[in-house]
Amino acid sequence: MTTPSTSPRAASAAVGLCFGAIVFDGYDLIVYGSVMPALLQYEPWGLTPAQAGAIGSYALLGMFIGAIASGTLTDLMGRRRLFIASLTWFSVMMLLVAAAPDPTWLGLFRFLAGLGFGGIPPTAIALVVELAPVARRQVLNGLMLCGFPIGGVLAAVLAIALLEPFGFRTLFAIGALPLVTLVPLAVWLLPESPSFVRRERRTAPGRQRRELLELVRGRAGVATALFVVANFCGFLLVFGLNTWLPQLMRGAGYELGSALAFLLVLNVGAVAGGLGGSALADRYGSRWVATILFALAVVSLGLIAVPLPAAVLYLLVFVAGAATTGNQIVVYGYVAAHYPPLRRATALGLSSGIGRLGAVAGPVVGGSLVAAGLGLGWNAGVFALVAVVGAVACALVPRPAEVSADRVPAGPDRRPRADGGPAPVREREGAS
């Protein structure tokens, strides 16, 4: 099905398929943290924490390149074709990751898989935002992006069940399942974005370059720069924690099963934060929801390093998941709501692509601190400082110069807010 449609069936197909792709995107990225203890104990490879952290960053470096390229490629190929190509590519690469004969090949195949990982979120967000009903856009977008932490939950659960009896290669191979499940369904059911089809009919030479310039100059340029900072901080937190939390908890004295349980709780919290944060963003706007969640990350991460009962520690890890990975879902929606349709995919690719340098930095920073003998306290403190910067960036994003009708929620009593949410009736009537 390639014809554009805004029917409920088209929106449901887009949300469902994009959700499935994001689940595997999250699984394939987070499973590396789940198998980290086994990789460090795998004697034929003899990996050190610093080497393992560097290999963990290779997929994220590929994500950075893939996300940056996705903005331009989406405009050339369309959301649908790039989505299917990215899904196919990373599935094939995960098969090769599972068969890697040594750390060098593991790092190379993870990097190549990352190119596909990076192409999925911007195209999936653009498809869902443009096909979903306006009044439910943030909720459906948040629901779809909750696939990422659900993939993390899946990685932790499967690692608890399969890592010791079957080894890390089995867990990597599971990440290739979209090749025989989601890819055929996407070819059959996924519609193209209506805005891309309209754009194809009227794109003039040089238009893409002009639209990119519009994103990096003036008021829009300030917003784009702050979104880059927010994404950098968010991705550093997401991938730093998901890569190193199990190993950090092992270093703090927990057994492997308990250490992986913390990763499970982190990602359950991320699902709750993504769904709850997106619902609040639809009602109150993304700006303050994202800012407050970053602030909660500061508090929860700061307290994780304090000696506390296990139940309280699990609760703090749950809150940290909601305020980091869950908040990254809100930030994605914030960016998508801030820009008009013809610039949306490019803005998402640019801000999240450059921001993904934080994803590259997260595992490296964590690995360096662990290699230096600095454990949970130092990691938690560094991550808390990063969350402070993210909160400031979200709070300072300027209002857009103009708001397209695309962002106006349905109904007579609502108008758009600068942060992507509907304004209350009293604001529409002139109250400040």
Protein backbone atom coordinates (compact mmCIF):
# COMPACT_ATOMS: atom_id res chain seq x y z
CA MET A 1 0.00 0.00 0.00
CA THR A 2 1.85 3.06 -1.17
CA THR A 3 -0.86 5.64 -1.66
CA PRO A 4 -1.06 8.35 0.94
CA SER A 5 -3.95 8.16 3.29
CA THR A 6 -5.00 9.76 6.52
CA SER A 7 -7.68 7.15 7.27
CA PRO A 8 -7.78 5.53 10.71
CA ARG A 9 -6.56 2.30 9.14
CA ALA A 10 -3.52 4.04 7.64
CA ALA A 11 -2.71 5.72 10.95
CA SER A 12 -3.10 2.42 12.83
CA ALA A 13 -0.82 0.61 10.37
CA ALA A 14 1.80 3.34 10.66
CA VAL A 15 1.71 3.41 14.47
CA GLY A 16 1.79 -0.39 14.75
CA LEU A 17 4.63 -0.95 12.29
CA CYS A 18 6.66 1.97 13.58
CA PHE A 19 6.12 0.74 17.14
CA GLY A 20 7.42 -2.71 16.18
CA ALA A 21 10.47 -1.22 14.47
CA ILE A 22 11.25 0.96 17.49
CA VAL A 23 10.95 -2.09 19.79
CA PHE A 24 13.68 -3.85 17.82
CA ASP A 25 15.67 -0.62 17.50
CA GLY A 26 15.65 -0.41 21.29
CA TYR A 27 16.31 -4.11 21.76
CA ASP A 28 19.29 -4.18 19.43
CA LEU A 29 20.87 -1.15 21.08
CA ILE A 30 20.19 -2.05 24.71
CA VAL A 31 21.00 -5.76 24.40
CA TYR A 32 24.67 -4.79 24.29
CA GLY A 33 24.43 -3.52 27.86
CA SER A 34 22.58 -6.71 28.84
CA VAL A 35 25.39 -8.94 27.54
CA MET A 36 28.21 -6.66 28.76
CA PRO A 37 29.00 -8.79 31.85
CA ALA A 38 29.26 -11.91 29.65
CA LEU A 39 31.45 -10.12 27.09
CA LEU A 40 33.85 -8.99 29.83
CA GLN A 41 34.07 -12.59 31.09
CA TYR A 42 34.53 -14.13 27.61
CA GLU A 43 38.14 -15.30 27.88
CA PRO A 44 38.92 -15.78 24.14
CA TRP A 45 38.40 -12.03 23.59
CA GLY A 46 39.86 -10.68 26.83
CA LEU A 47 37.99 -7.37 26.67
CA THR A 48 38.71 -4.60 29.19
CA PRO A 49 35.92 -2.23 30.34
CA ALA A 50 37.40 0.59 28.25
CA GLN A 51 37.45 -1.60 25.11
CA ALA A 52 33.92 -2.84 25.74
CA GLY A 53 32.72 0.74 26.20
CA ALA A 54 34.37 1.78 22.94
CA ILE A 55 32.73 -1.10 21.05
CA GLY A 56 29.41 -0.11 22.62
CA SER A 57 29.82 3.37 21.17
CA TYR A 58 30.41 2.12 17.60
CA ALA A 59 26.74 1.35 16.99
CA LEU A 60 25.89 4.76 18.37
CA LEU A 61 28.40 6.44 16.07
CA GLY A 62 26.65 4.66 13.21
CA MET A 63 23.33 5.94 14.58
CA PHE A 64 24.70 9.47 14.52
CA ILE A 65 25.63 9.18 10.84
CA GLY A 66 22.38 7.39 9.97
CA ALA A 67 20.22 9.98 11.70
CA ILE A 68 22.02 12.91 10.06
CA ALA A 69 21.71 11.27 6.64
CA SER A 70 18.06 10.38 7.22
CA GLY A 71 16.92 14.00 6.95
CA THR A 72 18.23 14.35 3.40
CA LEU A 73 17.43 10.77 2.37
CA THR A 74 13.87 11.07 3.65
CA ASP A 75 13.33 14.12 1.46
CA LEU A 76 14.73 12.23 -1.55
CA MET A 77 13.27 8.74 -1.01
CA GLY A 78 10.20 9.36 1.10
CA ARG A 79 9.49 8.26 4.66
CA ARG A 80 8.17 4.83 3.67
CA ARG A 81 11.07 3.66 1.52
CA LEU A 82 13.74 4.88 3.93
CA PHE A 83 11.93 3.25 6.86
CA ILE A 84 11.84 -0.13 5.09
CA ALA A 85 15.45 0.19 3.91
CA SER A 86 16.68 1.04 7.43
CA LEU A 87 14.73 -1.84 8.98
CA THR A 88 16.10 -4.33 6.45
CA TRP A 89 19.68 -3.07 6.81
CA PHE A 90 19.96 -3.27 10.59
CA SER A 91 18.29 -6.72 10.66
CA VAL A 92 20.89 -8.15 8.27
CA MET A 93 23.70 -6.50 10.21
CA MET A 94 22.47 -8.01 13.50
CA LEU A 95 22.87 -11.48 11.98
CA LEU A 96 26.47 -10.58 11.21
CA VAL A 97 26.93 -9.18 14.73
CA ALA A 98 25.82 -12.54 16.13
CA ALA A 99 28.43 -14.31 13.98
CA ALA A 100 31.32 -11.87 14.67
CA PRO A 101 34.55 -13.89 15.12
CA ASP A 102 36.39 -11.30 17.23
CA PRO A 103 35.96 -7.84 18.83
CA THR A 104 37.11 -6.00 15.69
CA TRP A 105 34.37 -7.55 13.56
CA LEU A 106 31.86 -7.12 16.38
CA GLY A 107 32.60 -3.40 16.46
CA LEU A 108 32.45 -3.07 12.67
CA PHE A 109 29.12 -4.87 12.34
CA ARG A 110 27.66 -2.92 15.27
CA PHE A 111 28.72 0.30 13.56
CA LEU A 112 27.08 -0.77 10.28
CA ALA A 113 23.92 -1.82 12.13
CA GLY A 114 23.90 1.62 13.73
CA LEU A 115 23.44 3.24 10.32
CA GLY A 116 20.07 1.51 10.16
CA PHE A 117 19.24 2.19 13.81
CA GLY A 118 19.71 5.92 13.16
CA GLY A 119 17.34 5.98 10.21
CA ILE A 120 14.38 4.46 12.05
CA PRO A 121 13.35 7.05 14.71
CA PRO A 122 13.22 10.20 12.51
CA THR A 123 11.26 8.48 9.74
CA ALA A 124 8.95 6.70 12.19
CA ILE A 125 8.22 9.94 14.07
CA ALA A 126 7.54 11.82 10.84
CA LEU A 127 5.17 9.09 9.61
CA VAL A 128 3.19 8.91 12.84
CA VAL A 129 3.03 12.68 13.37
CA GLU A 130 1.79 13.24 9.82
CA LEU A 131 -0.72 10.36 9.68
CA ALA A 132 -2.14 10.57 13.21
CA PRO A 133 -5.12 12.77 14.19
CA VAL A 134 -3.76 16.12 15.37
CA ALA A 135 -5.44 16.00 18.79
CA ARG A 136 -3.84 12.60 19.57
CA ARG A 137 -0.52 13.21 17.89
CA GLN A 138 1.71 13.40 20.97
CA VAL A 139 0.03 10.45 22.67
CA LEU A 140 0.34 8.20 19.60
CA ASN A 141 3.88 9.40 19.00
CA GLY A 142 4.72 8.69 22.64
CA LEU A 143 3.05 5.28 22.44
CA MET A 144 5.08 4.42 19.36
CA LEU A 145 8.37 5.64 20.89
CA CYS A 146 7.69 3.63 24.04
CA GLY A 147 8.73 0.74 21.85
CA PHE A 148 12.33 1.72 22.61
CA PRO A 149 12.22 1.07 26.37
CA ILE A 150 9.95 -1.93 25.75
CA GLY A 151 12.79 -3.24 23.59
CA GLY A 152 15.04 -2.58 26.57
CA VAL A 153 12.70 -4.54 28.83
CA LEU A 154 12.75 -7.37 26.29
CA ALA A 155 16.56 -7.30 26.19
CA ALA A 156 16.79 -7.50 29.98
CA VAL A 157 14.18 -10.26 30.32
CA LEU A 158 15.72 -12.38 27.56
CA ALA A 159 19.20 -11.84 29.00
CA ILE A 160 18.02 -13.06 32.41
CA ALA A 161 16.51 -16.16 30.76
CA LEU A 162 18.97 -16.91 27.95
CA LEU A 163 22.37 -15.34 28.58
CA GLU A 164 23.86 -18.00 30.86
CA PRO A 165 22.50 -21.09 29.02
CA PHE A 166 22.84 -19.87 25.41
CA GLY A 167 25.39 -17.06 25.41
CA PHE A 168 25.52 -13.56 23.97
CA ARG A 169 25.37 -14.61 20.29
CA THR A 170 21.79 -15.88 20.66
CA LEU A 171 20.69 -12.55 22.11
CA PHE A 172 22.29 -10.66 19.22
CA ALA A 173 20.63 -12.98 16.66
CA ILE A 174 17.16 -12.27 18.07
CA GLY A 175 17.64 -8.69 16.89
CA ALA A 176 17.43 -9.85 13.26
CA LEU A 177 13.81 -11.04 13.54
CA PRO A 178 12.33 -7.95 11.78
CA LEU A 179 13.76 -9.30 8.52
CA VAL A 180 11.12 -12.05 8.47
CA THR A 181 8.34 -10.26 10.38
CA LEU A 182 8.14 -6.47 10.14
CA VAL A 183 9.78 -5.92 6.76
CA PRO A 184 7.19 -7.94 4.76
CA LEU A 185 4.34 -6.28 6.67
CA ALA A 186 5.77 -2.81 6.06
CA VAL A 187 6.08 -3.47 2.33
CA TRP A 188 2.43 -4.54 2.27
CA LEU A 189 0.73 -2.13 4.70
CA LEU A 190 2.78 0.99 5.40
CA PRO A 191 1.44 4.13 3.66
CA GLU A 192 3.58 7.04 2.49
CA SER A 193 3.41 10.37 4.26
CA PRO A 194 0.87 12.71 2.60
CA SER A 195 3.19 15.69 3.05
CA PHE A 196 5.97 13.89 1.14
CA VAL A 197 3.64 13.14 -1.77
CA ARG A 198 2.50 16.77 -1.89
CA ARG A 199 6.12 17.88 -1.67
CA GLU A 200 7.14 15.60 -4.58
CA ARG A 201 4.63 17.35 -6.79
CA ARG A 202 5.94 20.81 -6.13
CA THR A 203 9.58 20.60 -5.02
CA ALA A 204 11.71 23.13 -6.87
CA PRO A 205 15.49 22.95 -7.31
CA GLY A 206 17.29 24.32 -4.26
CA ARG A 207 14.25 24.06 -1.99
CA GLN A 208 15.82 21.45 0.31
CA ARG A 209 18.89 23.63 0.80
CA ARG A 210 16.73 26.65 1.62
CA GLU A 211 14.74 24.67 4.17
CA LEU A 212 17.93 23.48 5.85
CA LEU A 213 19.14 27.09 6.06
CA GLU A 214 15.82 28.04 7.66
CA LEU A 215 16.57 25.58 10.47
CA VAL A 216 19.99 27.02 11.34
CA ARG A 217 19.54 30.78 11.20
CA GLY A 218 17.74 33.35 13.29
CA ARG A 219 15.22 32.32 15.93
CA ALA A 220 14.81 28.87 14.40
CA GLY A 221 18.57 28.40 14.57
CA VAL A 222 18.57 29.06 18.32
CA ALA A 223 15.77 26.51 18.77
CA THR A 224 17.62 23.94 16.66
CA ALA A 225 20.85 24.45 18.65
CA LEU A 226 19.01 24.01 21.96
CA PHE A 227 17.24 20.90 20.66
CA VAL A 228 20.66 19.51 19.71
CA VAL A 229 21.88 20.12 23.29
CA ALA A 230 18.74 18.54 24.78
CA ASN A 231 19.08 15.51 22.51
CA PHE A 232 22.81 15.22 23.29
CA CYS A 233 22.09 15.16 27.02
CA GLY A 234 19.14 12.81 26.63
CA PHE A 235 21.01 10.31 24.47
CA LEU A 236 24.08 10.38 26.74
CA LEU A 237 21.87 9.49 29.69
CA VAL A 238 19.89 6.83 27.82
CA PHE A 239 22.86 4.94 26.41
CA GLY A 240 25.25 5.58 29.27
CA LEU A 241 22.78 4.06 31.74
CA ASN A 242 21.57 1.23 29.50
CA THR A 243 25.12 0.20 28.64
CA TRP A 244 26.71 0.35 32.08
CA LEU A 245 23.96 -0.02 34.71
CA PRO A 246 24.18 -3.85 34.95
CA GLN A 247 27.97 -3.77 35.28
CA LEU A 248 27.85 -0.88 37.77
CA MET A 249 25.36 -2.79 39.93
CA ARG A 250 27.58 -5.88 39.77
CA GLY A 251 30.46 -3.72 40.95
CA ALA A 252 28.23 -2.54 43.81
CA GLY A 253 27.89 -6.17 44.95
CA TYR A 254 24.76 -7.43 43.18
CA GLU A 255 24.63 -10.83 41.43
CA LEU A 256 24.18 -10.95 37.63
CA GLY A 257 20.44 -11.65 37.84
CA SER A 258 19.84 -8.76 40.24
CA ALA A 259 22.04 -6.42 38.19
CA LEU A 260 20.01 -7.22 35.06
CA ALA A 261 16.82 -6.68 37.09
CA PHE A 262 17.89 -3.05 37.60
CA LEU A 263 18.10 -2.69 33.80
CA LEU A 264 14.61 -4.18 33.56
CA VAL A 265 13.25 -1.69 36.12
CA LEU A 266 15.02 1.20 34.35
CA ASN A 267 13.20 0.39 31.11
CA VAL A 268 9.84 -0.27 32.76
CA GLY A 269 10.18 3.22 34.19
CA ALA A 270 11.03 4.49 30.72
CA VAL A 271 7.77 3.08 29.33
CA ALA A 272 5.80 4.76 32.13
CA GLY A 273 7.64 8.03 31.62
CA GLY A 274 7.18 7.98 27.86
CA LEU A 275 3.44 7.31 28.02
CA GLY A 276 2.75 9.60 30.96
CA GLY A 277 5.01 12.36 29.68
CA SER A 278 3.46 12.29 26.21
CA ALA A 279 -0.06 12.49 27.64
CA LEU A 280 0.96 15.45 29.79
CA ALA A 281 2.69 17.08 26.80
CA ASP A 282 -0.55 16.87 24.79
CA ARG A 283 -2.35 18.62 27.63
CA TYR A 284 0.21 21.13 28.90
CA GLY A 285 2.89 21.35 26.19
CA SER A 286 6.23 19.61 25.82
CA ARG A 287 8.51 22.37 27.11
CA TRP A 288 7.83 22.12 30.82
CA VAL A 289 7.15 18.39 30.80
CA ALA A 290 10.61 17.77 29.30
CA THR A 291 12.23 20.28 31.67
CA ILE A 292 10.61 18.77 34.77
CA LEU A 293 11.56 15.23 33.74
CA PHE A 294 15.18 16.27 33.30
CA ALA A 295 15.01 17.77 36.81
CA LEU A 296 13.65 14.47 38.17
CA ALA A 297 16.60 12.75 36.51
CA VAL A 298 18.98 15.02 38.45
CA VAL A 299 17.34 14.07 41.76
CA SER A 300 16.96 10.32 41.12
CA LEU A 301 20.48 9.88 39.71
CA GLY A 302 21.98 11.89 42.54
CA LEU A 303 20.29 9.66 45.13
CA ILE A 304 21.20 6.35 43.45
CA ALA A 305 24.75 6.73 44.77
CA VAL A 306 23.52 7.04 48.38
CA PRO A 307 23.39 3.79 50.44
CA LEU A 308 19.67 2.99 50.59
CA PRO A 309 17.44 -0.07 51.03
CA ALA A 310 17.08 -2.17 47.88
CA ALA A 311 13.38 -1.30 47.48
CA VAL A 312 14.14 2.43 47.51
CA LEU A 313 16.99 1.93 45.05
CA TYR A 314 14.67 0.10 42.65
CA LEU A 315 12.19 2.97 42.93
CA LEU A 316 14.93 5.51 42.13
CA VAL A 317 16.04 3.48 39.11
CA PHE A 318 12.39 3.38 37.95
CA VAL A 319 12.17 7.19 38.24
CA ALA A 320 15.53 7.55 36.48
CA GLY A 321 14.20 5.46 33.58
CA ALA A 322 11.08 7.62 33.34
CA ALA A 323 13.13 10.82 33.48
CA THR A 324 15.82 9.77 30.95
CA THR A 325 14.64 7.31 28.29
CA GLY A 326 11.00 8.26 28.92
CA ASN A 327 11.88 11.93 28.63
CA GLN A 328 13.72 11.37 25.36
CA ILE A 329 10.36 10.34 23.91
CA VAL A 330 8.91 13.67 25.05
CA VAL A 331 11.86 15.57 23.56
CA TYR A 332 11.31 13.82 20.21
CA GLY A 333 7.68 14.93 20.30
CA TYR A 334 8.75 18.44 21.30
CA VAL A 335 10.94 18.73 18.19
CA ALA A 336 8.26 17.24 15.92
CA ALA A 337 5.61 19.64 17.23
CA HIS A 338 7.89 22.68 16.97
CA TYR A 339 8.45 22.56 13.19
CA PRO A 340 6.02 22.63 10.23
CA PRO A 341 5.55 19.42 8.17
CA LEU A 342 7.92 20.23 5.30
CA ARG A 343 10.80 20.84 7.71
CA ARG A 344 9.89 18.23 10.31
CA ALA A 345 11.87 15.22 9.07
CA THR A 346 14.93 17.37 8.37
CA ALA A 347 14.67 19.01 11.80
CA LEU A 348 14.32 15.64 13.52
CA GLY A 349 17.25 14.20 11.59
CA LEU A 350 19.44 17.24 12.25
CA SER A 351 18.72 17.76 15.95
CA SER A 352 18.59 14.11 16.95
CA GLY A 353 21.42 13.20 14.58
CA ILE A 354 23.93 15.67 16.00
CA GLY A 355 22.48 15.00 19.44
CA ARG A 356 23.36 11.34 19.01
CA LEU A 357 26.96 12.27 19.65
CA GLY A 358 25.73 12.04 23.23
CA ALA A 359 24.83 8.40 22.58
CA VAL A 360 28.40 7.85 21.40
CA ALA A 361 29.77 9.62 24.46
CA GLY A 362 27.60 7.82 27.04
CA PRO A 363 29.17 4.34 26.87
CA VAL A 364 32.67 5.82 26.51
CA VAL A 365 32.24 8.07 29.55
CA GLY A 366 30.84 5.21 31.61
CA GLY A 367 33.59 2.84 30.47
CA SER A 368 36.31 5.36 31.25
CA LEU A 369 34.98 5.92 34.77
CA VAL A 370 34.70 2.17 35.39
CA ALA A 371 38.18 1.54 33.96
CA ALA A 372 39.55 4.22 36.30
CA GLY A 373 38.06 2.36 39.26
CA LEU A 374 35.30 4.94 39.78
CA GLY A 375 32.02 3.14 40.35
CA LEU A 376 28.36 3.92 40.78
CA GLY A 377 28.78 7.21 42.65
CA TRP A 378 30.92 8.92 40.03
CA ASN A 379 28.78 7.67 37.14
CA ALA A 380 25.58 8.82 38.84
CA GLY A 381 27.09 12.23 39.58
CA VAL A 382 28.29 12.79 36.02
CA PHE A 383 24.92 11.71 34.61
CA ALA A 384 23.10 14.04 37.03
CA LEU A 385 25.16 17.01 35.81
CA VAL A 386 24.28 16.13 32.21
CA ALA A 387 20.58 16.15 33.16
CA VAL A 388 20.97 19.69 34.57
CA VAL A 389 22.21 20.90 31.17
CA GLY A 390 19.32 19.13 29.41
CA ALA A 391 16.75 20.80 31.67
CA VAL A 392 18.18 24.26 30.95
CA ALA A 393 18.22 23.63 27.19
CA CYS A 394 14.55 22.56 27.10
CA ALA A 395 13.46 25.53 29.20
CA LEU A 396 15.22 28.04 26.93
CA VAL A 397 13.88 26.90 23.52
CA PRO A 398 12.28 30.04 21.98
CA ARG A 399 8.75 30.08 20.66
CA PRO A 400 8.53 29.57 16.89
CA ALA A 401 8.03 32.71 14.81
CA GLU A 402 4.90 31.20 13.28
CA VAL A 403 2.83 28.11 13.95
CA SER A 404 1.36 26.06 11.13
CA ALA A 405 -2.20 24.84 11.15
CA ASP A 406 -0.73 21.36 11.19
CA ARG A 407 0.00 21.85 14.89
CA VAL A 408 -3.41 23.21 15.91
CA PRO A 409 -5.41 20.65 17.89
CA ALA A 410 -8.96 20.04 16.75
CA GLY A 411 -11.75 21.86 18.54
CA PRO A 412 -13.02 25.42 18.89
CA ASP A 413 -11.39 26.11 22.25
CA ARG A 414 -7.75 25.39 21.48
CA ARG A 415 -4.88 27.09 19.73
CA PRO A 416 -1.25 26.00 19.52
CA ARG A 417 1.34 26.69 22.16
CA ALA A 418 4.94 27.28 21.19
CA ASP A 419 5.99 24.06 22.90
CA GLY A 420 3.64 21.86 20.93
CA GLY A 421 0.68 21.63 23.28
CA PRO A 422 -2.75 23.23 23.18
CA ALA A 423 -3.29 26.46 25.08
CA PRO A 424 -6.08 26.65 27.64
CA VAL A 425 -9.22 28.58 26.74
CA ARG A 426 -8.27 31.45 29.04
CA GLU A 427 -5.02 31.94 27.07
CA ARG A 428 -6.98 32.07 23.84
CA GLU A 429 -9.16 34.73 25.37
CA GLY A 430 -6.15 36.87 26.21
CA ALA A 431 -5.10 35.86 29.69
CA SER A 432 -1.38 35.42 30.21
